[in-house]
Amino acid sequence: MTTTMNHESLDDRLDRLVAAYADDRAAGRQPDRDRCLSEVPEQHRASLARCLDMIDRGGASVPVPNRPLGPGVSLGGYTIRDVIGRGGMAVVYRAVQDDLDRLVALKVLRPGLALERRHVDRFHREALAIARLDHPNIVAVHAVGEADGHHFIAMELLEGPDLGRVLASLPHDRPWTAADLATAVGDDALAAHASYERAFCALLAPVVRAVGVAHDIGIVHRDIKPSNILLTRDGRAKIADFGLATGHGELDVSLTGEPLGTPYYMSPEQVVQEEHALDARTDVYSLGVTLYEGLSGRRPFDGGNLAAIFDAIRTETPPALHGGRVRVSADGQAVVDRAMARDPDDRYRSALELGADLEALVAGGRTQARAQEASGLRFVLDVLLRILTPGRVSWRTRATFLGLPLVHVEKHSLAATGRLVVAKGWLAVGDVACGGIAMGGVATGGVALGGVAAGVVSMAGMAVGLLVGIGGLAAGWLGIGGMALGYAAAGGVAVGVYACGGTAFGGAVIRASGTDPGAYEWFSEHLPWILQGFEALSGVPVSRW
């Protein structure tokens, strides 16, 4: 849900155009279809044209009230005061319930979406989902109805800010404290916690537990984000907006054609639109993103366009939390890592498990995520999984030594993004790799394995090694290959102090077959120059051999 803008939003414009088009049809006037389509950006005209076609065929009608919804307008026993927020699916108004004289949040389905029954069904499914949940940390539903062609839900009105606004209000020039969070939320009890991390987990844990209760009765939210976590005046957090809760059917889109749900908080399986894969672990991922943002002050994945964001969610590992606004514990990092694992099988099985770890963080205890992360066998399996996974992989361990990650895997980055990323770590695997042990198309390191490799020990199609070089073309103290250069060289063509091969040149030729004596004398005479040239090209000091 976005904050009300001074200018007309695209969603509002689409609603206005659809309503005006339907009004013309109802009045017997011929609407100007081309003018209508010209008022929206080209990429959204197909969605608008689909709605206009439905109106032309008489298969749908759009509510055209005597006056648009706004302050003072009565709708189904509720008098609207002002707009609270707008989203791709609905507009939310602050309103008064006339018979009880109480304030409510009146959520009204956008008229353009009301053209299609699937959107209406999804909207009413939200009311049904929340009505089944009686929980102090879930926004309550008072009523659901339809009036003047408008579908609406009357909900509990919370006067506090949402979590997104709370995070935006925290200081920008210094690290955050528990007292900062307590002030922004309006709950003095949060200031008593030993750190901001513990205070934030204490605020979020009840909401996570509430989502777990929804999971227990088969409801998956699918749009968890900070702006859907609302606060009461006394600082109690509640989860709202179950409009995308799991039902039967395909993933939905708004009238603009954009996917419903917020891209930054979508799970990888939502991004690839695997409807069958959307279970409770999808919400766990979104809660993990919310936790990440709450602890660092930034989203884990950002980008200039939807495609860049989706690509990062599908393929990349979130940056470590260090360096943000908060000092995050190893247990806090482990909880975020497990909640945001790309593979659902690696995440918490339920929000209740995540909630238990958040409560352990609040108490300063050991989390299950950290205990599992510490397993040596799991670490080895994680490394092997990333190395053997086909397609794009971008992954590195949180643990570092002398500033380098223990393992960094970076495969097929150029093909996927057009940008080559070098894998750098004590174990580095990638298209281009540099590390203690490096494996890749081009590899440099202590031990280098690849198509082209340079290192103390190297094995490749073309290998340059300080001590050992093994490859089709090999150079090193000990060179073994189709063509080998080194102090001791063995190969089809071998050049070295000690040389063994089909054609061998050196101070001591151990074995040579078919060697041209003239060629041997020439190479013997010019060997020092050959070795000096190799040293100049490779940087390997061999001229003294």
Protein backbone atom coordinates (compact mmCIF):
# COMPACT_ATOMS: atom_id res chain seq x y z
CA MET A 1 0.00 0.00 0.00
CA THR A 2 1.53 3.33 -1.00
CA THR A 3 1.16 6.74 0.56
CA THR A 4 -1.35 9.07 -1.09
CA MET A 5 0.33 11.15 -3.80
CA ASN A 6 -0.49 14.74 -4.81
CA HIS A 7 -0.61 13.72 -8.47
CA GLU A 8 -2.92 11.09 -9.92
CA SER A 9 -1.40 7.63 -9.69
CA LEU A 10 -1.53 5.19 -12.60
CA ASP A 11 -3.96 2.96 -10.68
CA ASP A 12 -6.27 5.93 -10.00
CA ARG A 13 -6.12 7.01 -13.64
CA LEU A 14 -7.04 3.52 -14.82
CA ASP A 15 -9.98 3.45 -12.41
CA ARG A 16 -11.18 6.84 -13.68
CA LEU A 17 -10.88 5.86 -17.36
CA VAL A 18 -12.66 2.54 -16.90
CA ALA A 19 -15.49 4.18 -14.94
CA ALA A 20 -15.90 6.97 -17.52
CA TYR A 21 -15.92 4.45 -20.38
CA ALA A 22 -18.60 2.36 -18.64
CA ASP A 23 -20.63 5.53 -17.88
CA ASP A 24 -20.65 6.45 -21.58
CA ARG A 25 -21.80 2.94 -22.56
CA ALA A 26 -24.56 2.98 -19.93
CA ALA A 27 -25.79 6.37 -21.16
CA GLY A 28 -25.90 5.21 -24.79
CA ARG A 29 -22.94 7.39 -25.82
CA GLN A 30 -20.11 6.12 -28.03
CA PRO A 31 -16.92 6.31 -25.90
CA ASP A 32 -13.65 7.41 -27.49
CA ARG A 33 -11.63 4.23 -27.07
CA ASP A 34 -8.45 5.54 -28.72
CA ARG A 35 -8.36 8.66 -26.55
CA CYS A 36 -8.92 6.51 -23.47
CA LEU A 37 -6.00 4.21 -24.34
CA SER A 38 -3.73 7.14 -25.19
CA GLU A 39 -3.93 8.43 -21.62
CA VAL A 40 -1.90 5.54 -20.18
CA PRO A 41 1.68 4.44 -20.88
CA GLU A 42 2.00 2.03 -23.80
CA GLN A 43 3.05 -0.93 -21.65
CA HIS A 44 -0.25 -0.76 -19.72
CA ARG A 45 -2.63 -0.32 -22.68
CA ALA A 46 -3.18 -4.06 -23.18
CA SER A 47 -4.53 -4.40 -19.61
CA LEU A 48 -6.83 -1.42 -20.07
CA ALA A 49 -7.97 -2.67 -23.49
CA ARG A 50 -8.96 -6.00 -21.92
CA CYS A 51 -11.23 -4.16 -19.47
CA LEU A 52 -12.76 -2.02 -22.21
CA ASP A 53 -13.45 -5.13 -24.30
CA MET A 54 -15.35 -6.66 -21.37
CA ILE A 55 -17.46 -3.52 -21.06
CA ASP A 56 -18.12 -3.43 -24.83
CA ARG A 57 -19.31 -7.04 -24.75
CA GLY A 58 -21.65 -6.28 -21.88
CA GLY A 59 -19.92 -8.93 -19.79
CA ALA A 60 -19.05 -6.56 -17.00
CA SER A 61 -20.24 -3.34 -15.42
CA VAL A 62 -18.39 -0.79 -13.40
CA PRO A 63 -19.93 1.15 -10.49
CA VAL A 64 -20.65 4.73 -11.50
CA PRO A 65 -21.93 6.49 -8.38
CA ASN A 66 -23.49 9.94 -8.44
CA ARG A 67 -20.22 11.28 -7.10
CA PRO A 68 -16.80 9.66 -6.61
CA LEU A 69 -15.82 8.20 -3.28
CA GLY A 70 -14.32 10.81 -1.00
CA PRO A 71 -14.86 12.82 2.20
CA GLY A 72 -18.53 12.93 3.21
CA VAL A 73 -19.70 10.18 0.85
CA SER A 74 -21.77 7.42 2.47
CA LEU A 75 -21.17 3.82 1.41
CA GLY A 76 -23.12 0.93 2.91
CA GLY A 77 -23.62 2.55 6.32
CA TYR A 78 -20.14 4.07 6.52
CA THR A 79 -19.32 7.75 6.01
CA ILE A 80 -15.90 8.34 4.45
CA ARG A 81 -13.59 10.90 6.04
CA ASP A 82 -10.30 10.67 4.12
CA VAL A 83 -7.87 8.37 2.33
CA ILE A 84 -5.40 6.37 4.46
CA GLY A 85 -3.57 4.57 1.68
CA ARG A 86 -3.70 3.20 -1.85
CA GLY A 87 -2.55 -0.07 -3.34
CA GLY A 88 -2.81 -1.90 -6.64
CA MET A 89 -5.87 -3.80 -5.43
CA ALA A 90 -7.75 -1.40 -3.18
CA VAL A 91 -8.06 2.07 -1.68
CA VAL A 92 -8.34 2.33 2.11
CA TYR A 93 -10.39 5.13 3.69
CA ARG A 94 -10.79 6.30 7.25
CA ALA A 95 -14.55 6.14 7.81
CA VAL A 96 -17.21 6.27 10.53
CA GLN A 97 -19.59 3.35 11.05
CA ASP A 98 -22.85 5.28 11.28
CA ASP A 99 -24.86 3.00 13.61
CA LEU A 100 -22.06 2.51 16.17
CA ASP A 101 -20.33 5.86 15.66
CA ARG A 102 -16.90 4.21 15.59
CA LEU A 103 -13.93 4.79 13.34
CA VAL A 104 -13.00 1.99 10.93
CA ALA A 105 -10.63 1.37 8.05
CA LEU A 106 -12.82 0.91 4.97
CA LYS A 107 -11.01 -1.03 2.26
CA VAL A 108 -12.68 -0.66 -1.16
CA LEU A 109 -11.79 -2.82 -4.17
CA ARG A 110 -10.69 -0.75 -7.15
CA PRO A 111 -13.58 -0.45 -9.66
CA GLY A 112 -11.44 -1.61 -12.57
CA LEU A 113 -10.56 -4.86 -10.80
CA ALA A 114 -14.24 -5.42 -9.95
CA LEU A 115 -14.78 -6.18 -13.64
CA GLU A 116 -13.38 -9.67 -13.17
CA ARG A 117 -14.90 -12.13 -10.74
CA ARG A 118 -11.54 -13.59 -9.74
CA HIS A 119 -10.51 -10.24 -8.26
CA VAL A 120 -13.80 -9.92 -6.38
CA ASP A 121 -13.43 -13.46 -5.06
CA ARG A 122 -9.87 -12.76 -3.90
CA PHE A 123 -11.00 -9.57 -2.18
CA HIS A 124 -13.76 -11.35 -0.30
CA ARG A 125 -11.37 -14.19 0.51
CA GLU A 126 -9.34 -11.69 2.53
CA ALA A 127 -12.35 -10.97 4.73
CA LEU A 128 -13.02 -14.68 5.14
CA ALA A 129 -9.37 -15.39 5.97
CA ILE A 130 -9.17 -12.74 8.69
CA ALA A 131 -12.59 -13.64 10.07
CA ARG A 132 -11.28 -17.16 10.74
CA LEU A 133 -8.37 -15.73 12.72
CA ASP A 134 -9.10 -14.45 16.20
CA HIS A 135 -5.67 -13.28 17.30
CA PRO A 136 -4.52 -10.12 19.14
CA ASN A 137 -1.78 -9.53 16.57
CA ILE A 138 -4.01 -9.78 13.49
CA VAL A 139 -6.14 -6.83 12.35
CA ALA A 140 -9.82 -7.65 12.98
CA VAL A 141 -12.60 -7.54 10.36
CA HIS A 142 -15.93 -5.93 11.37
CA ALA A 143 -17.96 -6.46 8.19
CA VAL A 144 -17.81 -7.19 4.48
CA GLY A 145 -20.31 -5.92 1.93
CA GLU A 146 -21.24 -4.34 -1.39
CA ALA A 147 -22.99 -1.03 -1.99
CA ASP A 148 -23.49 1.04 -5.17
CA GLY A 149 -21.41 -1.58 -7.01
CA HIS A 150 -18.43 -1.11 -4.66
CA HIS A 151 -17.04 -4.10 -2.76
CA PHE A 152 -15.67 -3.19 0.68
CA ILE A 153 -14.29 -4.59 3.93
CA ALA A 154 -14.68 -2.68 7.20
CA MET A 155 -11.70 -3.39 9.45
CA GLU A 156 -10.24 -2.37 12.77
CA LEU A 157 -8.60 1.04 12.44
CA LEU A 158 -5.14 1.30 13.98
CA GLU A 159 -4.04 4.85 14.70
CA GLY A 160 -0.32 4.11 14.97
CA PRO A 161 2.17 4.08 12.06
CA ASP A 162 3.08 1.02 10.04
CA LEU A 163 6.48 -0.64 10.49
CA GLY A 164 7.80 0.85 7.24
CA ARG A 165 7.23 4.37 8.57
CA VAL A 166 8.78 3.42 11.89
CA LEU A 167 12.00 2.30 10.18
CA ALA A 168 12.05 5.41 8.00
CA SER A 169 11.79 7.62 11.10
CA LEU A 170 14.85 6.16 12.85
CA PRO A 171 18.06 8.27 12.91
CA HIS A 172 20.10 8.45 9.71
CA ASP A 173 23.35 9.73 11.22
CA ARG A 174 24.18 7.20 13.94
CA PRO A 175 23.64 3.57 15.00
CA TRP A 176 20.16 2.70 16.21
CA THR A 177 19.37 1.93 19.85
CA ALA A 178 16.53 0.20 21.64
CA ALA A 179 15.45 3.62 22.92
CA ASP A 180 15.19 4.91 19.33
CA LEU A 181 12.84 2.06 18.45
CA ALA A 182 10.79 2.57 21.62
CA THR A 183 10.28 6.26 20.76
CA ALA A 184 9.34 5.57 17.12
CA VAL A 185 6.88 2.81 18.07
CA GLY A 186 5.44 4.44 21.19
CA ASP A 187 6.22 1.56 23.56
CA ASP A 188 8.56 2.49 26.41
CA ALA A 189 9.03 -1.18 27.32
CA LEU A 190 11.19 -1.72 24.22
CA ALA A 191 13.82 0.65 25.63
CA ALA A 192 14.57 -1.83 28.43
CA HIS A 193 16.17 -4.32 26.02
CA ALA A 194 19.95 -4.60 25.98
CA SER A 195 20.26 -3.84 22.25
CA TYR A 196 18.28 -2.64 19.25
CA GLU A 197 18.46 -6.16 17.80
CA ARG A 198 16.68 -7.61 20.82
CA ALA A 199 14.13 -4.79 20.90
CA PHE A 200 13.25 -5.20 17.22
CA CYS A 201 12.92 -8.98 17.57
CA ALA A 202 10.64 -8.42 20.57
CA LEU A 203 8.42 -6.17 18.42
CA LEU A 204 8.34 -8.57 15.46
CA ALA A 205 8.06 -11.94 17.26
CA PRO A 206 4.30 -11.68 18.14
CA VAL A 207 3.48 -10.89 14.49
CA VAL A 208 5.52 -13.88 13.34
CA ARG A 209 3.62 -16.06 15.82
CA ALA A 210 0.32 -14.69 14.47
CA VAL A 211 1.34 -15.62 10.91
CA GLY A 212 2.15 -19.08 12.26
CA VAL A 213 -1.40 -19.37 13.61
CA ALA A 214 -2.71 -18.51 10.14
CA HIS A 215 -0.48 -21.21 8.66
CA ASP A 216 -1.91 -23.77 11.07
CA ILE A 217 -5.37 -23.35 9.51
CA GLY A 218 -4.05 -23.36 5.95
CA ILE A 219 -3.81 -19.61 5.26
CA VAL A 220 -0.67 -18.24 3.58
CA HIS A 221 -0.46 -14.43 3.51
CA ARG A 222 1.87 -13.99 0.48
CA ASP A 223 2.35 -10.23 0.86
CA ILE A 224 4.18 -9.73 4.15
CA LYS A 225 6.17 -6.50 4.30
CA PRO A 226 6.78 -3.68 6.80
CA SER A 227 3.88 -1.56 5.50
CA ASN A 228 1.47 -4.45 6.23
CA ILE A 229 2.58 -4.59 9.88
CA LEU A 230 0.50 -1.93 11.64
CA LEU A 231 0.92 -0.53 15.13
CA THR A 232 -1.60 0.41 17.79
CA ARG A 233 -1.20 3.60 19.79
CA ASP A 234 0.49 1.66 22.59
CA GLY A 235 3.01 0.05 20.20
CA ARG A 236 1.47 -3.41 19.67
CA ALA A 237 2.14 -4.77 16.19
CA LYS A 238 -0.57 -6.43 14.06
CA ILE A 239 -0.42 -8.07 10.64
CA ALA A 240 -2.89 -6.76 8.03
CA ASP A 241 -3.86 -7.21 4.39
CA PHE A 242 -4.56 -10.88 3.74
CA GLY A 243 -5.79 -9.94 0.25
CA LEU A 244 -3.36 -12.33 -1.45
CA ALA A 245 -4.02 -15.20 0.95
CA THR A 246 -3.79 -18.58 -0.73
CA GLY A 247 -6.83 -19.67 -2.64
CA HIS A 248 -7.43 -21.72 -5.77
CA GLY A 249 -6.14 -20.16 -8.96
CA GLU A 250 -3.23 -18.45 -10.60
CA LEU A 251 -1.04 -15.68 -9.29
CA ASP A 252 -2.91 -12.40 -9.70
CA VAL A 253 -1.95 -9.08 -11.26
CA SER A 254 -3.26 -5.56 -10.75
CA LEU A 255 -5.02 -3.54 -13.45
CA THR A 256 -1.61 -2.15 -14.43
CA GLY A 257 -0.49 -5.68 -15.24
CA GLU A 258 2.05 -5.75 -12.40
CA PRO A 259 2.09 -8.76 -10.07
CA LEU A 260 0.14 -8.30 -6.85
CA GLY A 261 2.55 -8.53 -3.97
CA THR A 262 5.59 -6.33 -3.38
CA PRO A 263 8.69 -7.32 -5.40
CA TYR A 264 11.31 -6.59 -2.70
CA TYR A 265 9.69 -9.04 -0.29
CA MET A 266 8.72 -11.84 -2.70
CA SER A 267 10.21 -15.30 -2.26
CA PRO A 268 12.14 -16.88 -5.16
CA GLU A 269 9.24 -19.24 -5.84
CA GLN A 270 6.86 -16.26 -6.09
CA VAL A 271 9.21 -14.55 -8.52
CA VAL A 272 9.22 -17.54 -10.88
CA GLN A 273 5.43 -17.86 -10.34
CA GLU A 274 5.48 -21.43 -9.07
CA GLU A 275 1.94 -21.37 -7.69
CA HIS A 276 2.14 -24.98 -6.56
CA ALA A 277 5.20 -24.17 -4.45
CA LEU A 278 3.65 -21.35 -2.41
CA ASP A 279 3.28 -22.66 1.12
CA ALA A 280 4.05 -21.38 4.62
CA ARG A 281 7.75 -21.12 3.77
CA THR A 282 6.94 -18.34 1.30
CA ASP A 283 5.77 -16.20 4.23
CA VAL A 284 8.85 -17.24 6.21
CA TYR A 285 11.03 -15.80 3.44
CA SER A 286 9.11 -12.49 3.43
CA LEU A 287 9.37 -12.30 7.22
CA GLY A 288 13.12 -12.87 6.81
CA VAL A 289 13.33 -9.91 4.40
CA THR A 290 11.38 -7.78 6.88
CA LEU A 291 13.76 -8.85 9.67
CA TYR A 292 16.75 -8.05 7.43
CA GLU A 293 15.44 -4.56 6.69
CA GLY A 294 14.59 -3.95 10.34
CA LEU A 295 18.11 -4.88 11.46
CA SER A 296 20.09 -3.18 8.69
CA GLY A 297 17.99 -0.24 7.53
CA ARG A 298 18.14 -1.44 3.93
CA ARG A 299 16.46 -4.02 1.73
CA PRO A 300 18.57 -7.06 0.86
CA PHE A 301 17.85 -6.75 -2.86
CA ASP A 302 17.26 -3.53 -4.73
CA GLY A 303 17.46 -2.48 -8.35
CA GLY A 304 16.47 0.05 -10.94
CA ASN A 305 13.75 -2.12 -12.42
CA LEU A 306 11.57 -5.14 -11.68
CA ALA A 307 13.71 -7.50 -13.77
CA ALA A 308 16.88 -6.63 -11.82
CA ILE A 309 15.13 -7.16 -8.48
CA PHE A 310 13.66 -10.49 -9.57
CA ASP A 311 17.01 -11.69 -10.95
CA ALA A 312 18.73 -10.88 -7.66
CA ILE A 313 16.06 -12.70 -5.61
CA ARG A 314 16.36 -15.78 -7.83
CA THR A 315 20.14 -16.01 -7.96
CA GLU A 316 21.96 -14.00 -5.28
CA THR A 317 22.74 -14.40 -1.60
CA PRO A 318 21.74 -11.39 0.55
CA PRO A 319 24.70 -9.21 1.60
CA ALA A 320 25.86 -9.75 5.17
CA LEU A 321 24.17 -7.57 7.78
CA HIS A 322 27.39 -6.05 9.14
CA GLY A 323 28.04 -2.44 8.23
CA GLY A 324 24.43 -1.35 8.67
CA ARG A 325 22.75 0.74 11.36
CA VAL A 326 22.89 -2.04 13.94
CA ARG A 327 25.48 -4.40 15.33
CA VAL A 328 23.95 -7.79 14.56
CA SER A 329 24.91 -10.91 16.50
CA ALA A 330 26.04 -14.15 14.87
CA ASP A 331 22.73 -15.68 15.98
CA GLY A 332 20.80 -12.80 14.38
CA GLN A 333 22.66 -13.29 11.11
CA ALA A 334 22.00 -17.04 11.21
CA VAL A 335 18.25 -16.47 11.73
CA VAL A 336 18.07 -14.12 8.73
CA ASP A 337 20.11 -16.53 6.58
CA ARG A 338 17.88 -19.46 7.38
CA ALA A 339 14.62 -17.52 6.90
CA MET A 340 15.84 -16.15 3.54
CA ALA A 341 17.35 -19.35 2.12
CA ARG A 342 16.62 -19.56 -1.62
CA ASP A 343 15.66 -23.21 -1.36
CA PRO A 344 12.43 -23.52 0.69
CA ASP A 345 13.71 -26.81 2.14
CA ASP A 346 16.55 -24.88 3.80
CA ARG A 347 14.20 -22.42 5.55
CA TYR A 348 12.26 -22.73 8.78
CA ARG A 349 9.42 -25.15 8.20
CA SER A 350 6.94 -22.72 9.73
CA ALA A 351 6.62 -19.19 11.04
CA LEU A 352 6.25 -20.66 14.54
CA GLU A 353 9.81 -22.04 14.31
CA LEU A 354 11.04 -18.61 13.20
CA GLY A 355 9.12 -17.02 16.06
CA ALA A 356 10.79 -19.34 18.56
CA ASP A 357 14.24 -18.28 17.31
CA LEU A 358 13.27 -14.59 17.51
CA GLU A 359 12.24 -15.12 21.12
CA ALA A 360 15.59 -16.83 21.75
CA LEU A 361 17.32 -13.74 20.34
CA VAL A 362 15.27 -11.50 22.65
CA ALA A 363 16.38 -13.61 25.64
CA GLY A 364 20.01 -13.67 24.48
CA GLY A 365 19.94 -17.44 24.06
CA ARG A 366 21.22 -19.83 21.40
CA THR A 367 19.07 -20.07 18.27
CA GLN A 368 18.31 -23.23 16.32
CA ALA A 369 19.52 -21.50 13.18
CA ARG A 370 22.98 -20.91 14.66
CA ALA A 371 23.19 -24.44 16.03
CA GLN A 372 22.37 -25.87 12.62
CA GLU A 373 24.76 -23.50 10.85
CA ALA A 374 27.61 -24.66 13.06
CA SER A 375 27.33 -28.23 11.81
CA GLY A 376 30.47 -29.14 9.86
CA LEU A 377 28.61 -31.70 7.75
CA ARG A 378 25.97 -29.14 6.78
CA PHE A 379 28.70 -26.69 5.79
CA VAL A 380 30.34 -29.25 3.50
CA LEU A 381 26.99 -30.20 1.96
CA ASP A 382 26.14 -26.53 1.36
CA VAL A 383 29.45 -26.00 -0.44
CA LEU A 384 29.01 -29.10 -2.61
CA LEU A 385 25.42 -28.14 -3.42
CA ARG A 386 26.45 -24.72 -4.70
CA ILE A 387 29.39 -26.07 -6.72
CA LEU A 388 27.33 -28.79 -8.38
CA THR A 389 24.16 -26.74 -8.99
CA PRO A 390 23.73 -26.06 -12.73
CA GLY A 391 22.92 -22.57 -13.95
CA ARG A 392 23.53 -19.23 -12.20
CA VAL A 393 24.87 -19.44 -8.65
CA SER A 394 26.02 -16.51 -6.50
CA TRP A 395 26.89 -17.59 -2.97
CA ARG A 396 29.54 -16.93 -0.35
CA THR A 397 29.98 -17.94 3.25
CA ARG A 398 29.45 -15.38 5.98
CA ALA A 399 32.59 -16.63 7.71
CA THR A 400 35.79 -14.92 6.53
CA PHE A 401 39.53 -15.19 7.17
CA LEU A 402 41.84 -12.22 6.55
CA GLY A 403 38.99 -10.45 4.81
CA LEU A 404 38.15 -13.21 2.32
CA PRO A 405 35.12 -15.52 2.56
CA LEU A 406 35.97 -19.14 3.23
CA VAL A 407 34.04 -20.11 0.08
CA HIS A 408 32.80 -17.99 -2.82
CA VAL A 409 30.88 -19.56 -5.72
CA GLU A 410 30.05 -17.31 -8.67
CA LYS A 411 28.93 -19.24 -11.75
CA HIS A 412 27.43 -18.00 -15.04
CA SER A 413 27.10 -14.39 -13.87
CA LEU A 414 27.97 -13.00 -17.31
CA ALA A 415 25.35 -15.09 -19.11
CA ALA A 416 22.63 -14.22 -16.60
CA THR A 417 23.31 -10.52 -15.98
CA GLY A 418 25.78 -9.36 -18.62
CA ARG A 419 28.23 -8.58 -15.80
CA LEU A 420 31.18 -10.85 -14.99
CA VAL A 421 31.71 -11.36 -11.26
CA VAL A 422 35.03 -12.80 -10.09
CA ALA A 423 34.84 -15.44 -7.35
CA LYS A 424 37.30 -14.52 -4.58
CA GLY A 425 37.75 -16.70 -1.51
CA TRP A 426 39.93 -19.30 0.15
CA LEU A 427 37.97 -21.73 -2.00
CA ALA A 428 36.85 -19.88 -5.14
CA VAL A 429 34.71 -21.44 -7.86
CA GLY A 430 33.51 -19.49 -10.87
CA ASP A 431 33.90 -18.51 -14.49
CA VAL A 432 36.88 -16.48 -13.26
CA ALA A 433 38.22 -17.51 -9.85
CA CYS A 434 40.99 -16.25 -7.59
CA GLY A 435 41.77 -17.79 -4.22
CA GLY A 436 43.69 -20.24 -2.09
CA ILE A 437 42.11 -23.01 -4.12
CA ALA A 438 40.63 -21.67 -7.37
CA MET A 439 38.49 -23.57 -9.86
CA GLY A 440 37.13 -21.94 -12.98
CA GLY A 441 37.42 -21.20 -16.67
CA VAL A 442 40.27 -18.87 -15.70
CA ALA A 443 41.79 -19.61 -12.28
CA THR A 444 44.61 -18.07 -10.26
CA GLY A 445 45.59 -19.12 -6.78
CA GLY A 446 47.72 -21.31 -4.58
CA VAL A 447 46.15 -24.35 -6.22
CA ALA A 448 44.55 -23.44 -9.57
CA LEU A 449 42.35 -25.74 -11.66
CA GLY A 450 40.73 -24.57 -14.87
CA GLY A 451 40.85 -24.04 -18.60
CA VAL A 452 43.62 -21.49 -18.01
CA ALA A 453 45.32 -21.65 -14.62
CA ALA A 454 48.21 -19.94 -12.87
CA GLY A 455 49.34 -20.78 -9.36
CA VAL A 456 51.86 -22.48 -7.14
CA VAL A 457 50.29 -25.75 -8.29
CA SER A 458 48.22 -25.54 -11.46
CA MET A 459 46.33 -28.02 -13.62
CA ALA A 460 44.55 -26.88 -16.76
CA GLY A 461 44.43 -26.85 -20.52
CA MET A 462 47.07 -24.12 -20.19
CA ALA A 463 48.85 -24.13 -16.84
CA VAL A 464 51.52 -21.89 -15.34
CA GLY A 465 52.74 -23.08 -11.95
CA LEU A 466 55.48 -21.93 -9.64
CA LEU A 467 56.12 -25.50 -8.49
CA VAL A 468 53.89 -27.78 -10.59
CA GLY A 469 52.17 -27.18 -13.90
CA ILE A 470 50.03 -29.93 -15.43
CA GLY A 471 48.12 -29.30 -18.64
CA GLY A 472 48.02 -29.36 -22.42
CA LEU A 473 50.51 -26.48 -22.30
CA ALA A 474 52.34 -26.47 -18.97
CA ALA A 475 55.03 -24.26 -17.49
CA GLY A 476 56.51 -24.58 -14.02
CA TRP A 477 59.31 -25.95 -11.87
CA LEU A 478 57.81 -29.31 -12.74
CA GLY A 479 55.94 -29.11 -16.05
CA ILE A 480 53.83 -31.99 -17.35
CA GLY A 481 51.80 -31.60 -20.51
CA GLY A 482 51.50 -31.90 -24.29
CA MET A 483 54.05 -29.10 -24.36
CA ALA A 484 56.01 -28.62 -21.13
CA LEU A 485 58.52 -25.99 -19.98
CA GLY A 486 60.21 -26.21 -16.61
CA TYR A 487 63.24 -27.23 -14.57
CA ALA A 488 61.95 -30.78 -14.96
CA ALA A 489 59.71 -31.11 -18.03
CA ALA A 490 57.79 -34.10 -19.32
CA GLY A 491 55.62 -34.00 -22.43
CA GLY A 492 55.25 -34.44 -26.15
CA VAL A 493 57.60 -31.45 -26.47
CA ALA A 494 59.67 -30.91 -23.32
CA VAL A 495 62.11 -28.06 -22.59
CA GLY A 496 64.01 -27.99 -19.31
CA VAL A 497 67.19 -28.76 -17.42
CA TYR A 498 65.76 -32.27 -17.11
CA ALA A 499 63.55 -33.06 -20.12
CA CYS A 500 61.60 -36.18 -20.99
CA GLY A 501 59.38 -36.44 -24.05
CA GLY A 502 58.88 -37.36 -27.65
CA THR A 503 60.95 -34.27 -28.47
CA ALA A 504 63.12 -33.13 -25.58
CA PHE A 505 65.57 -30.27 -25.17
CA GLY A 506 67.63 -29.60 -22.06
CA GLY A 507 70.87 -29.92 -20.17
CA ALA A 508 70.11 -33.56 -19.40
CA VAL A 509 67.82 -35.23 -21.89
CA ILE A 510 66.39 -38.25 -20.07
CA ARG A 511 64.50 -39.58 -23.05
CA ALA A 512 63.97 -38.34 -26.57
CA SER A 513 62.67 -40.10 -29.63
CA GLY A 514 62.77 -38.67 -33.12
CA THR A 515 64.81 -35.67 -31.99
CA ASP A 516 66.51 -33.73 -34.73
CA PRO A 517 70.20 -33.26 -33.63
CA GLY A 518 70.29 -29.92 -35.37
CA ALA A 519 67.20 -28.78 -33.55
CA TYR A 520 68.63 -30.06 -30.28
CA GLU A 521 71.83 -28.05 -30.73
CA TRP A 522 69.80 -24.95 -31.64
CA PHE A 523 67.56 -25.25 -28.55
CA SER A 524 70.56 -25.96 -26.30
CA GLU A 525 72.20 -22.79 -27.53
CA HIS A 526 69.06 -20.67 -27.22
CA LEU A 527 67.53 -22.26 -24.09
CA PRO A 528 68.59 -19.39 -21.77
CA TRP A 529 66.84 -16.90 -24.07
CA ILE A 530 63.72 -19.09 -24.26
CA LEU A 531 63.55 -19.32 -20.46
CA GLN A 532 64.07 -15.58 -20.06
CA GLY A 533 61.28 -14.91 -22.54
CA PHE A 534 58.97 -17.27 -20.64
CA GLU A 535 59.85 -15.48 -17.39
CA ALA A 536 58.99 -12.12 -18.92
CA LEU A 537 55.60 -13.38 -20.13
CA SER A 538 54.58 -15.41 -17.09
CA GLY A 539 56.31 -13.67 -14.21
CA VAL A 540 57.66 -17.05 -13.06
CA PRO A 541 61.42 -16.77 -12.22
CA VAL A 542 62.92 -19.59 -14.33
CA SER A 543 65.95 -17.98 -16.03
CA ARG A 544 68.26 -19.02 -13.18
CA TRP A 545 67.49 -22.71 -13.87
